[in-house]
Amino acid sequence: MFNYIKFAIFQILGFLLSIPELIKLKINEKKYNSIEKFRFIKSHAKRSLDLVKIKINVIGKEKVPKEEVLFVLNHSSMLDSYILVSSIVKPVGVIIADVPTWRHIPIVSHWLNMMKCVYIDRENNREGMKSIIQASENIKMGQSMAVFPEGDLTWVKDPHALISDFKPGALKIAYKAKCPIVPMVIKNSRGTYNGYEPIGRINSGNVEVEYLDPIYDHIENPKIKTKELAEMIKAKMIAAM
């Protein structure tokens, strides 16, 4: 529990101390590029994990194209967003479940907006499509995006799966943006957090993040179904695990 208390206190202090930086970026938003806007969030995520002795080993960075992409990740821990941000090779916005918890967290919600994160209502197809379009527009405008297409923690959906079934609609972002998909496999993260709620137990450990080869199948053949593409990506990720 001590790890969790340290982690929680660091979140509160870190985001409170970031207020001047946030104000500076918001007032002169056009003056700063995406790397400068993303710098605090990446540093904060990395320092948060270092504090609780979660070590990240990243391999395959050289596989990521220079152009903007849709990153696709598996989801086994409540800390996966921190693992993603601390190990990502370029600024990224994240597709987030549209729940009040995220929309209204003081200060944090403003940083999420700065990162061009997109909230998605998984229960409303019409609203969900609006979010998909917004995410694709972000990519077209120069902001890579990341999504956890399982839609929930792997072990919650299927306790016996390495990766549970994808919600293939999430891949429509890449179809509409006509951008590559880069699968990222997070290995051994499940043990880093015990629980399914904001309050849980954080465990120290080693996590590996592997970038897989970029996928262009949906660009070369736009008629390929999202379900078929999702199964192919899932299989590649399981093989890497």
Protein backbone atom coordinates (compact mmCIF):
# COMPACT_ATOMS: atom_id res chain seq x y z
CA MET A 1 0.00 0.00 0.00
CA PHE A 2 3.00 2.28 0.59
CA ASN A 3 3.72 2.33 -3.15
CA TYR A 4 0.18 3.47 -3.85
CA ILE A 5 0.35 6.27 -1.26
CA LYS A 6 3.64 7.55 -2.71
CA PHE A 7 2.20 7.35 -6.22
CA ALA A 8 -1.01 9.18 -5.27
CA ILE A 9 0.79 11.98 -3.43
CA PHE A 10 3.12 12.45 -6.39
CA GLN A 11 0.12 12.79 -8.74
CA ILE A 12 -1.43 15.51 -6.59
CA LEU A 13 1.79 17.46 -6.10
CA GLY A 14 2.98 16.97 -9.68
CA PHE A 15 -0.19 18.27 -11.27
CA LEU A 16 -0.54 21.14 -8.80
CA LEU A 17 3.01 22.27 -9.55
CA SER A 18 2.30 21.98 -13.28
CA ILE A 19 -0.34 24.73 -13.19
CA PRO A 20 2.04 27.56 -14.24
CA GLU A 21 3.30 25.44 -17.16
CA LEU A 22 -0.25 24.59 -18.18
CA ILE A 23 -1.30 28.25 -18.09
CA LYS A 24 1.74 29.25 -20.16
CA LEU A 25 0.97 26.65 -22.82
CA LYS A 26 -2.73 27.49 -22.97
CA ILE A 27 -2.20 31.25 -23.24
CA ASN A 28 0.34 30.86 -26.06
CA GLU A 29 -0.86 27.54 -27.46
CA LYS A 30 0.09 28.28 -31.08
CA LYS A 31 3.60 29.24 -30.04
CA TYR A 32 4.47 25.74 -28.81
CA ASN A 33 4.74 22.54 -30.84
CA SER A 34 3.32 19.16 -29.83
CA ILE A 35 6.64 17.97 -28.38
CA GLU A 36 6.81 20.94 -26.02
CA LYS A 37 3.17 20.45 -24.98
CA PHE A 38 3.75 16.75 -24.36
CA ARG A 39 7.02 17.12 -22.41
CA PHE A 40 5.47 17.49 -18.94
CA ILE A 41 3.07 14.56 -19.32
CA LYS A 42 5.81 12.21 -20.55
CA SER A 43 8.20 13.28 -17.80
CA HIS A 44 5.50 13.00 -15.14
CA ALA A 45 4.51 9.50 -16.27
CA LYS A 46 8.11 8.30 -16.27
CA ARG A 47 8.88 9.78 -12.86
CA SER A 48 5.66 8.30 -11.45
CA LEU A 49 6.73 4.80 -12.49
CA ASP A 50 10.32 5.34 -11.34
CA LEU A 51 8.99 6.34 -7.91
CA VAL A 52 7.34 2.94 -7.42
CA LYS A 53 10.23 1.09 -9.09
CA ILE A 54 8.40 -0.03 -12.21
CA LYS A 55 11.13 -0.31 -14.83
CA ILE A 56 10.23 -0.08 -18.52
CA ASN A 57 12.33 -1.69 -21.26
CA VAL A 58 11.35 -0.49 -24.74
CA ILE A 59 12.30 -2.34 -27.91
CA GLY A 60 11.53 -1.76 -31.59
CA LYS A 61 11.44 2.05 -31.55
CA GLU A 62 13.09 2.11 -34.96
CA LYS A 63 9.99 0.50 -36.49
CA VAL A 64 7.79 3.55 -35.91
CA PRO A 65 7.26 5.57 -39.13
CA LYS A 66 8.03 9.29 -39.16
CA GLU A 67 4.47 10.03 -40.25
CA GLU A 68 1.62 10.15 -37.73
CA VAL A 69 0.13 6.79 -36.79
CA LEU A 70 -2.53 5.03 -34.76
CA PHE A 71 -0.89 3.09 -31.92
CA VAL A 72 -2.82 0.00 -30.84
CA LEU A 73 -2.10 -1.53 -27.42
CA ASN A 74 -3.22 -4.35 -25.16
CA HIS A 75 -4.57 -3.40 -21.74
CA SER A 76 -3.78 -5.46 -18.63
CA SER A 77 -3.24 -2.87 -15.89
CA MET A 78 -4.69 0.37 -14.58
CA LEU A 79 -1.16 1.75 -15.03
CA ASP A 80 -1.00 1.04 -18.77
CA SER A 81 -1.65 4.69 -19.67
CA TYR A 82 1.44 5.66 -17.66
CA ILE A 83 3.42 2.88 -19.33
CA LEU A 84 2.25 4.05 -22.76
CA VAL A 85 3.08 7.72 -22.24
CA SER A 86 6.46 7.08 -20.61
CA SER A 87 7.58 4.77 -23.43
CA ILE A 88 6.05 6.47 -26.50
CA VAL A 89 8.44 7.80 -29.14
CA LYS A 90 6.33 10.78 -30.23
CA PRO A 91 3.55 12.98 -28.78
CA VAL A 92 0.27 11.11 -28.66
CA GLY A 93 -3.36 11.65 -27.77
CA VAL A 94 -5.23 8.77 -26.19
CA ILE A 95 -8.76 7.50 -26.79
CA ILE A 96 -10.40 7.53 -23.35
CA ALA A 97 -13.69 6.06 -22.13
CA ASP A 98 -16.19 8.91 -21.75
CA VAL A 99 -16.86 8.74 -18.04
CA PRO A 100 -17.15 11.68 -15.60
CA THR A 101 -14.08 10.46 -13.71
CA TRP A 102 -11.77 11.52 -16.53
CA ARG A 103 -13.64 14.54 -17.86
CA HIS A 104 -13.74 16.36 -14.54
CA ILE A 105 -10.46 15.62 -12.75
CA PRO A 106 -9.08 19.06 -11.87
CA ILE A 107 -5.95 20.06 -13.82
CA VAL A 108 -5.54 16.55 -15.30
CA SER A 109 -8.50 17.08 -17.65
CA HIS A 110 -6.83 20.24 -18.99
CA TRP A 111 -3.63 18.32 -19.74
CA LEU A 112 -5.68 15.63 -21.51
CA ASN A 113 -7.26 18.31 -23.68
CA MET A 114 -3.81 19.76 -24.39
CA MET A 115 -2.71 16.30 -25.59
CA LYS A 116 -5.77 16.18 -27.86
CA CYS A 117 -7.13 13.11 -26.11
CA VAL A 118 -10.57 12.06 -27.36
CA TYR A 119 -13.39 10.75 -25.17
CA ILE A 120 -15.49 7.96 -26.64
CA ASP A 121 -18.94 6.80 -25.55
CA ARG A 122 -18.85 3.04 -26.00
CA GLU A 123 -22.58 2.72 -25.38
CA ASN A 124 -23.70 5.19 -28.05
CA ASN A 125 -22.73 4.32 -31.61
CA ARG A 126 -23.56 7.76 -33.03
CA GLU A 127 -21.49 9.59 -30.43
CA GLY A 128 -18.79 6.96 -30.75
CA MET A 129 -18.50 7.64 -34.47
CA LYS A 130 -18.08 11.37 -33.78
CA SER A 131 -15.14 10.51 -31.53
CA ILE A 132 -13.61 8.27 -34.20
CA ILE A 133 -13.87 11.09 -36.72
CA GLN A 134 -12.31 13.55 -34.26
CA ALA A 135 -9.41 11.20 -33.56
CA SER A 136 -8.81 10.71 -37.30
CA GLU A 137 -8.82 14.49 -37.80
CA ASN A 138 -6.22 14.83 -35.04
CA ILE A 139 -3.96 12.43 -36.93
CA LYS A 140 -4.46 14.32 -40.19
CA MET A 141 -3.49 17.53 -38.37
CA GLY A 142 -0.24 16.00 -37.10
CA GLN A 143 -1.11 14.32 -33.78
CA SER A 144 -0.63 10.57 -33.47
CA MET A 145 -3.31 8.77 -31.44
CA ALA A 146 -3.34 5.66 -29.28
CA VAL A 147 -6.17 3.28 -28.47
CA PHE A 148 -6.68 0.23 -26.25
CA PRO A 149 -9.10 -1.63 -28.56
CA GLU A 150 -10.01 -4.33 -26.04
CA GLY A 151 -12.23 -1.66 -24.48
CA ASP A 152 -11.49 -2.88 -20.95
CA LEU A 153 -8.78 -4.66 -18.99
CA THR A 154 -7.90 -8.01 -20.55
CA TRP A 155 -8.43 -10.05 -17.39
CA VAL A 156 -11.79 -8.43 -16.70
CA LYS A 157 -13.10 -9.46 -20.11
CA ASP A 158 -11.40 -12.89 -20.17
CA PRO A 159 -9.32 -14.10 -17.18
CA HIS A 160 -7.57 -16.72 -19.33
CA ALA A 161 -6.62 -14.57 -22.33
CA LEU A 162 -3.27 -12.96 -23.12
CA ILE A 163 -5.26 -10.38 -25.10
CA SER A 164 -9.08 -10.33 -25.22
CA ASP A 165 -11.21 -9.61 -28.28
CA PHE A 166 -10.88 -6.17 -29.87
CA LYS A 167 -13.70 -3.74 -30.51
CA PRO A 168 -12.86 -3.49 -34.23
CA GLY A 169 -14.62 -0.14 -34.66
CA ALA A 170 -11.62 1.53 -32.99
CA LEU A 171 -9.55 0.74 -36.07
CA LYS A 172 -11.81 2.95 -38.21
CA ILE A 173 -9.66 5.83 -36.97
CA ALA A 174 -6.78 4.58 -39.13
CA TYR A 175 -9.08 3.96 -42.11
CA LYS A 176 -10.40 7.52 -42.02
CA ALA A 177 -6.98 9.07 -41.38
CA LYS A 178 -5.34 6.79 -43.97
CA CYS A 179 -2.44 6.32 -41.57
CA PRO A 180 -0.36 3.30 -40.56
CA ILE A 181 -1.28 1.24 -37.50
CA VAL A 182 1.56 0.47 -35.11
CA PRO A 183 0.80 -2.32 -32.60
CA MET A 184 2.48 -1.94 -29.21
CA VAL A 185 2.66 -4.92 -26.90
CA ILE A 186 2.86 -4.27 -23.15
CA LYS A 187 4.29 -7.34 -21.43
CA ASN A 188 4.05 -8.21 -17.72
CA SER A 189 2.02 -5.15 -16.71
CA ARG A 190 -0.85 -7.05 -15.09
CA GLY A 191 1.08 -7.56 -11.87
CA THR A 192 1.88 -3.87 -11.50
CA TYR A 193 -1.57 -3.01 -10.16
CA ASN A 194 -3.97 -5.09 -8.09
CA GLY A 195 -7.53 -3.93 -8.58
CA TYR A 196 -9.99 -2.43 -11.02
CA GLU A 197 -10.66 0.85 -9.24
CA PRO A 198 -8.69 4.10 -8.81
CA ILE A 199 -7.62 2.82 -5.38
CA GLY A 200 -5.58 -0.36 -5.49
CA ARG A 201 -2.18 -1.83 -4.78
CA ILE A 202 0.87 -0.93 -6.87
CA ASN A 203 3.67 -3.49 -7.18
CA SER A 204 7.22 -2.85 -8.33
CA GLY A 205 8.47 -4.87 -11.30
CA ASN A 206 9.83 -4.96 -14.81
CA VAL A 207 7.66 -4.27 -17.86
CA GLU A 208 8.61 -4.57 -21.51
CA VAL A 209 7.04 -2.55 -24.30
CA GLU A 210 7.59 -3.79 -27.85
CA TYR A 211 6.76 -1.91 -31.04
CA LEU A 212 5.72 -4.27 -33.84
CA ASP A 213 6.01 -3.64 -37.57
CA PRO A 214 3.63 -0.96 -38.88
CA ILE A 215 0.54 -2.21 -40.72
CA TYR A 216 -0.60 -0.73 -44.03
CA ASP A 217 -3.10 -3.40 -45.14
CA HIS A 218 -6.12 -1.10 -44.65
CA ILE A 219 -4.46 1.59 -46.79
CA GLU A 220 -3.50 -0.80 -49.56
CA ASN A 221 -6.92 -2.47 -49.43
CA PRO A 222 -9.56 -0.15 -47.88
CA LYS A 223 -12.20 -2.86 -48.37
CA ILE A 224 -10.64 -5.12 -45.77
CA LYS A 225 -13.09 -5.41 -42.88
CA THR A 226 -12.16 -3.93 -39.52
CA LYS A 227 -13.00 -7.25 -37.84
CA GLU A 228 -10.58 -9.10 -40.10
CA LEU A 229 -7.86 -6.52 -39.51
CA ALA A 230 -8.47 -6.62 -35.75
CA GLU A 231 -8.03 -10.40 -35.66
CA MET A 232 -4.78 -10.13 -37.64
CA ILE A 233 -3.36 -7.45 -35.32
CA LYS A 234 -4.43 -9.35 -32.23
CA ALA A 235 -2.71 -12.50 -33.51
CA LYS A 236 0.53 -10.59 -34.15
CA MET A 237 0.43 -9.12 -30.66
CA ILE A 238 -0.21 -12.49 -29.01
CA ALA A 239 2.69 -13.99 -30.98
CA ALA A 240 4.95 -11.19 -29.70
CA MET A 241 3.89 -11.90 -26.12
